[in-house]
All heavy atoms as atom14 arrays in JSON, in Angstrom:
{
  "sequence": "KSQLNAESPIKEPGFVPLFIEIHNMQVESFPHLTFTLVPHKENGE",
  "atom14_mask": [
    [1, 1, 1, 1, 1, 1, 1, 1, 1, 0, 0, 0, 0, 0],
    [1, 1, 1, 1, 1, 1, 0, 0, 0, 0, 0, 0, 0, 0],
    [1, 1, 1, 1, 1, 1, 1, 1, 1, 0, 0, 0, 0, 0],
    [1, 1, 1, 1, 1, 1, 1, 1, 0, 0, 0, 0, 0, 0],
    [1, 1, 1, 1, 1, 1, 1, 1, 0, 0, 0, 0, 0, 0],
    [1, 1, 1, 1, 1, 0, 0, 0, 0, 0, 0, 0, 0, 0],
    [1, 1, 1, 1, 1, 1, 1, 1, 1, 0, 0, 0, 0, 0],
    [1, 1, 1, 1, 1, 1, 0, 0, 0, 0, 0, 0, 0, 0],
    [1, 1, 1, 1, 1, 1, 1, 0, 0, 0, 0, 0, 0, 0],
    [1, 1, 1, 1, 1, 1, 1, 1, 0, 0, 0, 0, 0, 0],
    [1, 1, 1, 1, 1, 1, 1, 1, 1, 0, 0, 0, 0, 0],
    [1, 1, 1, 1, 1, 1, 1, 1, 1, 0, 0, 0, 0, 0],
    [1, 1, 1, 1, 1, 1, 1, 0, 0, 0, 0, 0, 0, 0],
    [1, 1, 1, 1, 0, 0, 0, 0, 0, 0, 0, 0, 0, 0],
    [1, 1, 1, 1, 1, 1, 1, 1, 1, 1, 1, 0, 0, 0],
    [1, 1, 1, 1, 1, 1, 1, 0, 0, 0, 0, 0, 0, 0],
    [1, 1, 1, 1, 1, 1, 1, 0, 0, 0, 0, 0, 0, 0],
    [1, 1, 1, 1, 1, 1, 1, 1, 0, 0, 0, 0, 0, 0],
    [1, 1, 1, 1, 1, 1, 1, 1, 1, 1, 1, 0, 0, 0],
    [1, 1, 1, 1, 1, 1, 1, 1, 0, 0, 0, 0, 0, 0],
    [1, 1, 1, 1, 1, 1, 1, 1, 1, 0, 0, 0, 0, 0],
    [1, 1, 1, 1, 1, 1, 1, 1, 0, 0, 0, 0, 0, 0],
    [1, 1, 1, 1, 1, 1, 1, 1, 1, 1, 0, 0, 0, 0],
    [1, 1, 1, 1, 1, 1, 1, 1, 0, 0, 0, 0, 0, 0],
    [1, 1, 1, 1, 1, 1, 1, 1, 0, 0, 0, 0, 0, 0],
    [1, 1, 1, 1, 1, 1, 1, 1, 1, 0, 0, 0, 0, 0],
    [1, 1, 1, 1, 1, 1, 1, 0, 0, 0, 0, 0, 0, 0],
    [1, 1, 1, 1, 1, 1, 1, 1, 1, 0, 0, 0, 0, 0],
    [1, 1, 1, 1, 1, 1, 0, 0, 0, 0, 0, 0, 0, 0],
    [1, 1, 1, 1, 1, 1, 1, 1, 1, 1, 1, 0, 0, 0],
    [1, 1, 1, 1, 1, 1, 1, 0, 0, 0, 0, 0, 0, 0],
    [1, 1, 1, 1, 1, 1, 1, 1, 1, 1, 0, 0, 0, 0],
    [1, 1, 1, 1, 1, 1, 1, 1, 0, 0, 0, 0, 0, 0],
    [1, 1, 1, 1, 1, 1, 1, 0, 0, 0, 0, 0, 0, 0],
    [1, 1, 1, 1, 1, 1, 1, 1, 1, 1, 1, 0, 0, 0],
    [1, 1, 1, 1, 1, 1, 1, 0, 0, 0, 0, 0, 0, 0],
    [1, 1, 1, 1, 1, 1, 1, 1, 0, 0, 0, 0, 0, 0],
    [1, 1, 1, 1, 1, 1, 1, 0, 0, 0, 0, 0, 0, 0],
    [1, 1, 1, 1, 1, 1, 1, 0, 0, 0, 0, 0, 0, 0],
    [1, 1, 1, 1, 1, 1, 1, 1, 1, 1, 0, 0, 0, 0],
    [1, 1, 1, 1, 1, 1, 1, 1, 1, 0, 0, 0, 0, 0],
    [1, 1, 1, 1, 1, 1, 1, 1, 1, 0, 0, 0, 0, 0],
    [1, 1, 1, 1, 1, 1, 1, 1, 0, 0, 0, 0, 0, 0],
    [1, 1, 1, 1, 0, 0, 0, 0, 0, 0, 0, 0, 0, 0],
    [1, 1, 1, 1, 1, 1, 1, 1, 1, 0, 0, 0, 0, 0]
  ],
  "atom14_positions": [
    [[-2.01, 3.18, 3.8], [-0.55, 3.31, 3.94], [-0.03, 2.4, 5.03], [0.94, 1.67, 4.83], [-0.19, 4.78, 4.24], [1.3, 5.1, 4.18], [2.1, 5.03, 5.45], [1.54, 5.59, 6.71], [2.41, 5.27, 7.88], [0.0, 0.0, 0.0], [0.0, 0.0, 0.0], [0.0, 0.0, 0.0], [0.0, 0.0, 0.0], [0.0, 0.0, 0.0]],
    [[-0.68, 2.37, 6.17], [-0.19, 1.53, 7.28], [-0.35, 0.05, 6.99], [0.5, -0.76, 7.38], [-0.86, 1.92, 8.6], [-2.23, 1.61, 8.58], [0.0, 0.0, 0.0], [0.0, 0.0, 0.0], [0.0, 0.0, 0.0], [0.0, 0.0, 0.0], [0.0, 0.0, 0.0], [0.0, 0.0, 0.0], [0.0, 0.0, 0.0], [0.0, 0.0, 0.0]],
    [[-1.39, -0.33, 6.27], [-1.55, -1.74, 5.91], [-0.52, -2.17, 4.86], [0.07, -3.24, 4.96], [-2.97, -2.01, 5.42], [-3.98, -1.95, 6.56], [-5.41, -2.12, 6.1], [-5.73, -2.01, 4.92], [-6.29, -2.35, 7.06], [0.0, 0.0, 0.0], [0.0, 0.0, 0.0], [0.0, 0.0, 0.0], [0.0, 0.0, 0.0], [0.0, 0.0, 0.0]],
    [[-0.26, -1.32, 3.87], [0.73, -1.66, 2.84], [2.15, -1.7, 3.41], [2.99, -2.44, 2.9], [0.66, -0.67, 1.67], [-0.59, -0.78, 0.81], [-0.65, 0.36, -0.2], [-0.67, -2.13, 0.11], [0.0, 0.0, 0.0], [0.0, 0.0, 0.0], [0.0, 0.0, 0.0], [0.0, 0.0, 0.0], [0.0, 0.0, 0.0], [0.0, 0.0, 0.0]],
    [[2.4, -0.94, 4.46], [3.7, -0.97, 5.14], [3.76, -2.01, 6.24], [4.73, -2.06, 7.0], [4.04, 0.41, 5.72], [4.49, 1.39, 4.67], [5.08, 1.0, 3.67], [4.22, 2.66, 4.89], [0.0, 0.0, 0.0], [0.0, 0.0, 0.0], [0.0, 0.0, 0.0], [0.0, 0.0, 0.0], [0.0, 0.0, 0.0], [0.0, 0.0, 0.0]],
    [[2.73, -2.85, 6.36], [2.64, -3.9, 7.39], [2.75, -3.31, 8.8], [3.29, -3.93, 9.71], [3.69, -4.98, 7.17], [0.0, 0.0, 0.0], [0.0, 0.0, 0.0], [0.0, 0.0, 0.0], [0.0, 0.0, 0.0], [0.0, 0.0, 0.0], [0.0, 0.0, 0.0], [0.0, 0.0, 0.0], [0.0, 0.0, 0.0], [0.0, 0.0, 0.0]],
    [[2.2, -2.11, 8.99], [2.18, -1.47, 10.29], [0.89, -1.76, 11.04], [0.82, -1.58, 12.26], [2.34, 0.05, 10.14], [3.65, 0.46, 9.49], [3.66, 1.89, 9.0], [2.6, 2.54, 8.95], [4.75, 2.36, 8.66], [0.0, 0.0, 0.0], [0.0, 0.0, 0.0], [0.0, 0.0, 0.0], [0.0, 0.0, 0.0], [0.0, 0.0, 0.0]],
    [[-0.14, -2.2, 10.32], [-1.4, -2.57, 10.94], [-2.03, -3.7, 10.12], [-1.77, -3.84, 8.93], [-2.35, -1.37, 11.03], [-2.67, -0.88, 9.76], [0.0, 0.0, 0.0], [0.0, 0.0, 0.0], [0.0, 0.0, 0.0], [0.0, 0.0, 0.0], [0.0, 0.0, 0.0], [0.0, 0.0, 0.0], [0.0, 0.0, 0.0], [0.0, 0.0, 0.0]],
    [[-2.84, -4.52, 10.79], [-3.42, -5.68, 10.1], [-4.56, -5.27, 9.16], [-5.19, -4.23, 9.34], [-3.97, -6.54, 11.26], [-4.26, -5.55, 12.34], [-3.22, -4.47, 12.21], [0.0, 0.0, 0.0], [0.0, 0.0, 0.0], [0.0, 0.0, 0.0], [0.0, 0.0, 0.0], [0.0, 0.0, 0.0], [0.0, 0.0, 0.0], [0.0, 0.0, 0.0]],
    [[-4.8, -6.13, 8.18], [-5.94, -5.95, 7.28], [-7.1, -6.71, 7.89], [-7.07, -7.93, 7.98], [-5.62, -6.49, 5.87], [-4.42, -5.73, 5.28], [-6.83, -6.38, 4.96], [-3.91, -6.32, 3.99], [0.0, 0.0, 0.0], [0.0, 0.0, 0.0], [0.0, 0.0, 0.0], [0.0, 0.0, 0.0], [0.0, 0.0, 0.0], [0.0, 0.0, 0.0]],
    [[-8.12, -5.97, 8.32], [-9.27, -6.61, 8.97], [-10.4, -6.92, 7.99], [-11.24, -7.76, 8.28], [-9.78, -5.71, 10.1], [-8.76, -5.55, 11.21], [-9.27, -4.67, 12.32], [-8.21, -4.55, 13.4], [-8.62, -3.65, 14.48], [0.0, 0.0, 0.0], [0.0, 0.0, 0.0], [0.0, 0.0, 0.0], [0.0, 0.0, 0.0], [0.0, 0.0, 0.0]],
    [[-10.4, -6.24, 6.85], [-11.44, -6.46, 5.85], [-10.94, -7.46, 4.82], [-10.02, -7.16, 4.04], [-11.8, -5.13, 5.18], [-12.71, -5.24, 3.98], [-14.02, -5.95, 4.27], [-14.7, -5.57, 5.25], [-14.35, -6.9, 3.54], [0.0, 0.0, 0.0], [0.0, 0.0, 0.0], [0.0, 0.0, 0.0], [0.0, 0.0, 0.0], [0.0, 0.0, 0.0]],
    [[-11.51, -8.68, 4.78], [-11.02, -9.71, 3.85], [-11.04, -9.29, 2.38], [-10.23, -9.75, 1.59], [-11.96, -10.89, 4.08], [-12.6, -10.64, 5.41], [-12.6, -9.16, 5.62], [0.0, 0.0, 0.0], [0.0, 0.0, 0.0], [0.0, 0.0, 0.0], [0.0, 0.0, 0.0], [0.0, 0.0, 0.0], [0.0, 0.0, 0.0], [0.0, 0.0, 0.0]],
    [[-11.93, -8.39, 2.01], [-12.03, -7.95, 0.62], [-10.81, -7.18, 0.13], [-10.59, -7.06, -1.07], [0.0, 0.0, 0.0], [0.0, 0.0, 0.0], [0.0, 0.0, 0.0], [0.0, 0.0, 0.0], [0.0, 0.0, 0.0], [0.0, 0.0, 0.0], [0.0, 0.0, 0.0], [0.0, 0.0, 0.0], [0.0, 0.0, 0.0], [0.0, 0.0, 0.0]],
    [[-9.98, -6.67, 1.06], [-8.79, -5.93, 0.68], [-7.6, -6.85, 0.41], [-6.62, -6.43, -0.21], [-8.39, -4.91, 1.75], [-9.42, -3.87, 2.03], [-9.49, -3.27, 3.27], [-10.34, -3.47, 1.07], [-10.44, -2.3, 3.55], [-11.29, -2.5, 1.34], [-11.34, -1.91, 2.59], [0.0, 0.0, 0.0], [0.0, 0.0, 0.0], [0.0, 0.0, 0.0]],
    [[-7.65, -8.07, 0.89], [-6.51, -8.98, 0.81], [-6.07, -9.25, -0.64], [-4.88, -9.18, -0.94], [-6.78, -10.28, 1.59], [-5.66, -11.3, 1.37], [-6.93, -9.97, 3.07], [0.0, 0.0, 0.0], [0.0, 0.0, 0.0], [0.0, 0.0, 0.0], [0.0, 0.0, 0.0], [0.0, 0.0, 0.0], [0.0, 0.0, 0.0], [0.0, 0.0, 0.0]],
    [[-6.99, -9.55, -1.58], [-6.52, -9.8, -2.95], [-5.76, -8.61, -3.56], [-4.74, -8.8, -4.21], [-7.81, -10.1, -3.73], [-8.76, -10.6, -2.69], [-8.43, -9.82, -1.45], [0.0, 0.0, 0.0], [0.0, 0.0, 0.0], [0.0, 0.0, 0.0], [0.0, 0.0, 0.0], [0.0, 0.0, 0.0], [0.0, 0.0, 0.0], [0.0, 0.0, 0.0]],
    [[-6.24, -7.39, -3.33], [-5.53, -6.21, -3.85], [-4.2, -6.02, -3.15], [-3.2, -5.68, -3.78], [-6.38, -4.95, -3.68], [-7.22, -4.56, -4.87], [-8.09, -3.34, -4.56], [-6.39, -4.28, -6.09], [0.0, 0.0, 0.0], [0.0, 0.0, 0.0], [0.0, 0.0, 0.0], [0.0, 0.0, 0.0], [0.0, 0.0, 0.0], [0.0, 0.0, 0.0]],
    [[-4.17, -6.25, -1.84], [-2.92, -6.17, -1.09], [-1.89, -7.13, -1.7], [-0.73, -6.76, -1.92], [-3.14, -6.51, 0.39], [-1.88, -6.56, 1.19], [-1.38, -5.42, 1.8], [-1.17, -7.75, 1.33], [-0.2, -5.46, 2.53], [0.01, -7.8, 2.05], [0.49, -6.65, 2.66], [0.0, 0.0, 0.0], [0.0, 0.0, 0.0], [0.0, 0.0, 0.0]],
    [[-2.3, -8.34, -2.0], [-1.4, -9.34, -2.58], [-0.92, -8.91, -3.97], [0.27, -9.02, -4.28], [-2.07, -10.73, -2.62], [-2.23, -11.26, -1.17], [-1.26, -11.72, -3.46], [-3.12, -12.49, -1.06], [0.0, 0.0, 0.0], [0.0, 0.0, 0.0], [0.0, 0.0, 0.0], [0.0, 0.0, 0.0], [0.0, 0.0, 0.0], [0.0, 0.0, 0.0]],
    [[-1.83, -8.4, -4.79], [-1.45, -7.91, -6.13], [-0.42, -6.78, -6.02], [0.57, -6.77, -6.76], [-2.67, -7.41, -6.89], [-3.6, -8.51, -7.37], [-3.01, -9.32, -8.51], [-2.2, -8.79, -9.3], [-3.36, -10.5, -8.61], [0.0, 0.0, 0.0], [0.0, 0.0, 0.0], [0.0, 0.0, 0.0], [0.0, 0.0, 0.0], [0.0, 0.0, 0.0]],
    [[-0.67, -5.84, -5.11], [0.25, -4.72, -4.92], [1.6, -5.23, -4.43], [2.65, -4.82, -4.93], [-0.36, -3.69, -3.94], [-1.56, -3.0, -4.62], [0.69, -2.69, -3.47], [-2.46, -2.24, -3.67], [0.0, 0.0, 0.0], [0.0, 0.0, 0.0], [0.0, 0.0, 0.0], [0.0, 0.0, 0.0], [0.0, 0.0, 0.0], [0.0, 0.0, 0.0]],
    [[1.58, -6.12, -3.47], [2.84, -6.68, -2.94], [3.62, -7.4, -4.03], [4.83, -7.22, -4.16], [2.54, -7.64, -1.78], [3.75, -8.33, -1.27], [4.69, -7.71, -0.48], [4.22, -9.59, -1.47], [5.68, -8.56, -0.2], [5.41, -9.7, -0.8], [0.0, 0.0, 0.0], [0.0, 0.0, 0.0], [0.0, 0.0, 0.0], [0.0, 0.0, 0.0]],
    [[2.93, -8.2, -4.83], [3.61, -8.92, -5.91], [4.22, -7.97, -6.94], [5.35, -8.19, -7.39], [2.64, -9.9, -6.6], [2.32, -11.1, -5.73], [3.0, -11.37, -4.74], [1.26, -11.8, -6.07], [0.0, 0.0, 0.0], [0.0, 0.0, 0.0], [0.0, 0.0, 0.0], [0.0, 0.0, 0.0], [0.0, 0.0, 0.0], [0.0, 0.0, 0.0]],
    [[3.51, -6.9, -7.28], [4.06, -5.92, -8.22], [5.29, -5.23, -7.61], [6.26, -4.97, -8.32], [3.01, -4.88, -8.6], [1.95, -5.42, -9.54], [0.74, -4.17, -10.01], [1.67, -3.27, -11.23], [0.0, 0.0, 0.0], [0.0, 0.0, 0.0], [0.0, 0.0, 0.0], [0.0, 0.0, 0.0], [0.0, 0.0, 0.0], [0.0, 0.0, 0.0]],
    [[5.22, -4.97, -6.31], [6.37, -4.34, -5.64], [7.59, -5.25, -5.72], [8.68, -4.82, -6.08], [6.02, -4.03, -4.19], [7.13, -3.35, -3.43], [6.74, -2.99, -2.01], [5.69, -3.4, -1.51], [7.58, -2.24, -1.34], [0.0, 0.0, 0.0], [0.0, 0.0, 0.0], [0.0, 0.0, 0.0], [0.0, 0.0, 0.0], [0.0, 0.0, 0.0]],
    [[7.42, -6.5, -5.41], [8.53, -7.46, -5.41], [9.07, -7.67, -6.83], [10.28, -7.67, -7.04], [8.08, -8.81, -4.79], [9.12, -9.9, -5.01], [7.79, -8.65, -3.31], [0.0, 0.0, 0.0], [0.0, 0.0, 0.0], [0.0, 0.0, 0.0], [0.0, 0.0, 0.0], [0.0, 0.0, 0.0], [0.0, 0.0, 0.0], [0.0, 0.0, 0.0]],
    [[8.18, -7.81, -7.8], [8.59, -8.12, -9.17], [9.17, -6.92, -9.93], [10.06, -7.1, -10.76], [7.39, -8.66, -9.96], [6.91, -10.02, -9.49], [5.57, -10.41, -10.1], [5.06, -9.69, -10.99], [5.03, -11.44, -9.68], [0.0, 0.0, 0.0], [0.0, 0.0, 0.0], [0.0, 0.0, 0.0], [0.0, 0.0, 0.0], [0.0, 0.0, 0.0]],
    [[8.66, -5.72, -9.67], [9.0, -4.59, -10.54], [9.53, -3.34, -9.84], [10.15, -2.51, -10.5], [7.77, -4.18, -11.35], [7.28, -5.26, -12.11], [0.0, 0.0, 0.0], [0.0, 0.0, 0.0], [0.0, 0.0, 0.0], [0.0, 0.0, 0.0], [0.0, 0.0, 0.0], [0.0, 0.0, 0.0], [0.0, 0.0, 0.0], [0.0, 0.0, 0.0]],
    [[9.28, -3.19, -8.55], [9.61, -1.95, -7.86], [10.24, -2.19, -6.49], [9.64, -1.9, -5.45], [8.35, -1.08, -7.71], [7.62, -0.83, -8.99], [6.41, -1.44, -9.25], [8.16, 0.01, -9.95], [5.73, -1.21, -10.44], [7.5, 0.24, -11.15], [6.28, -0.37, -11.4], [0.0, 0.0, 0.0], [0.0, 0.0, 0.0], [0.0, 0.0, 0.0]],
    [[11.46, -2.71, -6.44], [12.08, -3.02, -5.15], [12.41, -1.8, -4.3], [12.62, -1.92, -3.09], [13.35, -3.77, -5.53], [13.66, -3.33, -6.92], [12.33, -3.06, -7.56], [0.0, 0.0, 0.0], [0.0, 0.0, 0.0], [0.0, 0.0, 0.0], [0.0, 0.0, 0.0], [0.0, 0.0, 0.0], [0.0, 0.0, 0.0], [0.0, 0.0, 0.0]],
    [[12.4, -0.61, -4.91], [12.73, 0.62, -4.17], [11.48, 1.48, -3.96], [11.55, 2.7, -3.98], [13.82, 1.4, -4.9], [15.04, 0.59, -5.17], [15.93, 0.23, -4.19], [15.49, 0.02, -6.32], [16.89, -0.51, -4.72], [16.63, -0.65, -6.01], [0.0, 0.0, 0.0], [0.0, 0.0, 0.0], [0.0, 0.0, 0.0], [0.0, 0.0, 0.0]],
    [[10.35, 0.82, -3.75], [9.07, 1.49, -3.56], [8.81, 1.72, -2.08], [8.99, 0.82, -1.26], [7.95, 0.62, -4.15], [6.5, 1.02, -3.91], [6.18, 2.35, -4.59], [5.57, -0.07, -4.4], [0.0, 0.0, 0.0], [0.0, 0.0, 0.0], [0.0, 0.0, 0.0], [0.0, 0.0, 0.0], [0.0, 0.0, 0.0], [0.0, 0.0, 0.0]],
    [[8.4, 2.95, -1.75], [7.99, 3.27, -0.38], [6.59, 3.88, -0.42], [6.22, 4.55, -1.39], [8.96, 4.25, 0.31], [9.03, 5.45, -0.46], [10.34, 3.65, 0.46], [0.0, 0.0, 0.0], [0.0, 0.0, 0.0], [0.0, 0.0, 0.0], [0.0, 0.0, 0.0], [0.0, 0.0, 0.0], [0.0, 0.0, 0.0], [0.0, 0.0, 0.0]],
    [[5.84, 3.64, 0.63], [4.5, 4.2, 0.78], [4.55, 5.25, 1.88], [4.97, 4.94, 3.0], [3.49, 3.11, 1.15], [3.35, 2.04, 0.11], [3.96, 0.8, 0.31], [2.64, 2.25, -1.06], [3.84, -0.2, -0.65], [2.53, 1.25, -2.01], [3.12, 0.02, -1.8], [0.0, 0.0, 0.0], [0.0, 0.0, 0.0], [0.0, 0.0, 0.0]],
    [[4.12, 6.47, 1.58], [4.11, 7.54, 2.57], [2.74, 8.2, 2.58], [1.99, 8.14, 1.61], [5.19, 8.6, 2.29], [4.95, 9.18, 1.01], [6.59, 8.0, 2.32], [0.0, 0.0, 0.0], [0.0, 0.0, 0.0], [0.0, 0.0, 0.0], [0.0, 0.0, 0.0], [0.0, 0.0, 0.0], [0.0, 0.0, 0.0], [0.0, 0.0, 0.0]],
    [[2.45, 8.86, 3.69], [1.18, 9.55, 3.85], [1.35, 11.01, 3.44], [2.35, 11.64, 3.78], [0.73, 9.48, 5.31], [-0.64, 10.08, 5.62], [-1.75, 9.28, 4.94], [-0.86, 10.12, 7.13], [0.0, 0.0, 0.0], [0.0, 0.0, 0.0], [0.0, 0.0, 0.0], [0.0, 0.0, 0.0], [0.0, 0.0, 0.0], [0.0, 0.0, 0.0]],
    [[0.39, 11.52, 2.7], [0.38, 12.93, 2.31], [-1.0, 13.48, 2.69], [-2.02, 12.83, 2.44], [0.68, 13.1, 0.8], [-0.33, 12.43, -0.07], [0.82, 14.55, 0.45], [0.0, 0.0, 0.0], [0.0, 0.0, 0.0], [0.0, 0.0, 0.0], [0.0, 0.0, 0.0], [0.0, 0.0, 0.0], [0.0, 0.0, 0.0], [0.0, 0.0, 0.0]],
    [[-1.04, 14.65, 3.32], [-2.34, 15.25, 3.65], [-3.14, 15.53, 2.37], [-2.58, 15.81, 1.31], [-1.97, 16.56, 4.35], [-0.54, 16.41, 4.76], [0.08, 15.47, 3.78], [0.0, 0.0, 0.0], [0.0, 0.0, 0.0], [0.0, 0.0, 0.0], [0.0, 0.0, 0.0], [0.0, 0.0, 0.0], [0.0, 0.0, 0.0], [0.0, 0.0, 0.0]],
    [[-4.47, 15.47, 2.5], [-5.34, 15.73, 1.33], [-4.99, 17.05, 0.66], [-5.0, 17.15, -0.56], [-6.82, 15.73, 1.75], [-7.37, 14.37, 1.98], [-7.73, 13.54, 0.95], [-7.63, 13.68, 3.12], [-8.18, 12.39, 1.44], [-8.15, 12.46, 2.76], [0.0, 0.0, 0.0], [0.0, 0.0, 0.0], [0.0, 0.0, 0.0], [0.0, 0.0, 0.0]],
    [[-4.67, 18.08, 1.46], [-4.4, 19.4, 0.88], [-3.13, 19.39, 0.02], [-2.96, 20.24, -0.84], [-4.3, 20.47, 1.97], [-3.13, 20.28, 2.91], [-3.13, 21.33, 4.0], [-1.95, 21.05, 4.92], [-1.95, 21.85, 6.09], [0.0, 0.0, 0.0], [0.0, 0.0, 0.0], [0.0, 0.0, 0.0], [0.0, 0.0, 0.0], [0.0, 0.0, 0.0]],
    [[-2.23, 18.42, 0.23], [-1.02, 18.31, -0.59], [-1.2, 17.31, -1.73], [-0.27, 17.0, -2.44], [0.17, 17.9, 0.29], [0.59, 18.97, 1.28], [1.73, 18.54, 2.17], [2.52, 17.65, 1.76], [1.83, 19.09, 3.28], [0.0, 0.0, 0.0], [0.0, 0.0, 0.0], [0.0, 0.0, 0.0], [0.0, 0.0, 0.0], [0.0, 0.0, 0.0]],
    [[-2.41, 16.8, -1.86], [-2.73, 15.84, -2.91], [-3.73, 16.47, -3.88], [-4.63, 15.82, -4.39], [-3.29, 14.55, -2.28], [-2.99, 13.31, -3.08], [-2.3, 13.36, -4.09], [-3.51, 12.19, -2.63], [0.0, 0.0, 0.0], [0.0, 0.0, 0.0], [0.0, 0.0, 0.0], [0.0, 0.0, 0.0], [0.0, 0.0, 0.0], [0.0, 0.0, 0.0]],
    [[-3.55, 17.79, -4.12], [-4.52, 18.56, -4.89], [-4.75, 18.09, -6.3], [-5.89, 18.12, -6.78], [0.0, 0.0, 0.0], [0.0, 0.0, 0.0], [0.0, 0.0, 0.0], [0.0, 0.0, 0.0], [0.0, 0.0, 0.0], [0.0, 0.0, 0.0], [0.0, 0.0, 0.0], [0.0, 0.0, 0.0], [0.0, 0.0, 0.0], [0.0, 0.0, 0.0]],
    [[-3.69, 17.67, -7.0], [-3.88, 17.21, -8.38], [-4.73, 15.95, -8.42], [-5.58, 15.8, -9.3], [-2.53, 16.98, -9.07], [-1.75, 18.25, -9.31], [-2.44, 19.23, -10.23], [-3.19, 18.81, -11.13], [-2.24, 20.45, -10.05], [0.0, 0.0, 0.0], [0.0, 0.0, 0.0], [0.0, 0.0, 0.0], [0.0, 0.0, 0.0], [0.0, 0.0, 0.0]]
  ]
}
């Protein structure tokens, strides 16, 4: 969540391609997209 919100750097180079794909999809298709943190217990499904 913090990396996708540009709140912390991506230190693992292997994550960069997925980060770019996600960012491109956000720009192209979902301009009103937000990333938020949810505790595991609230992510039951």
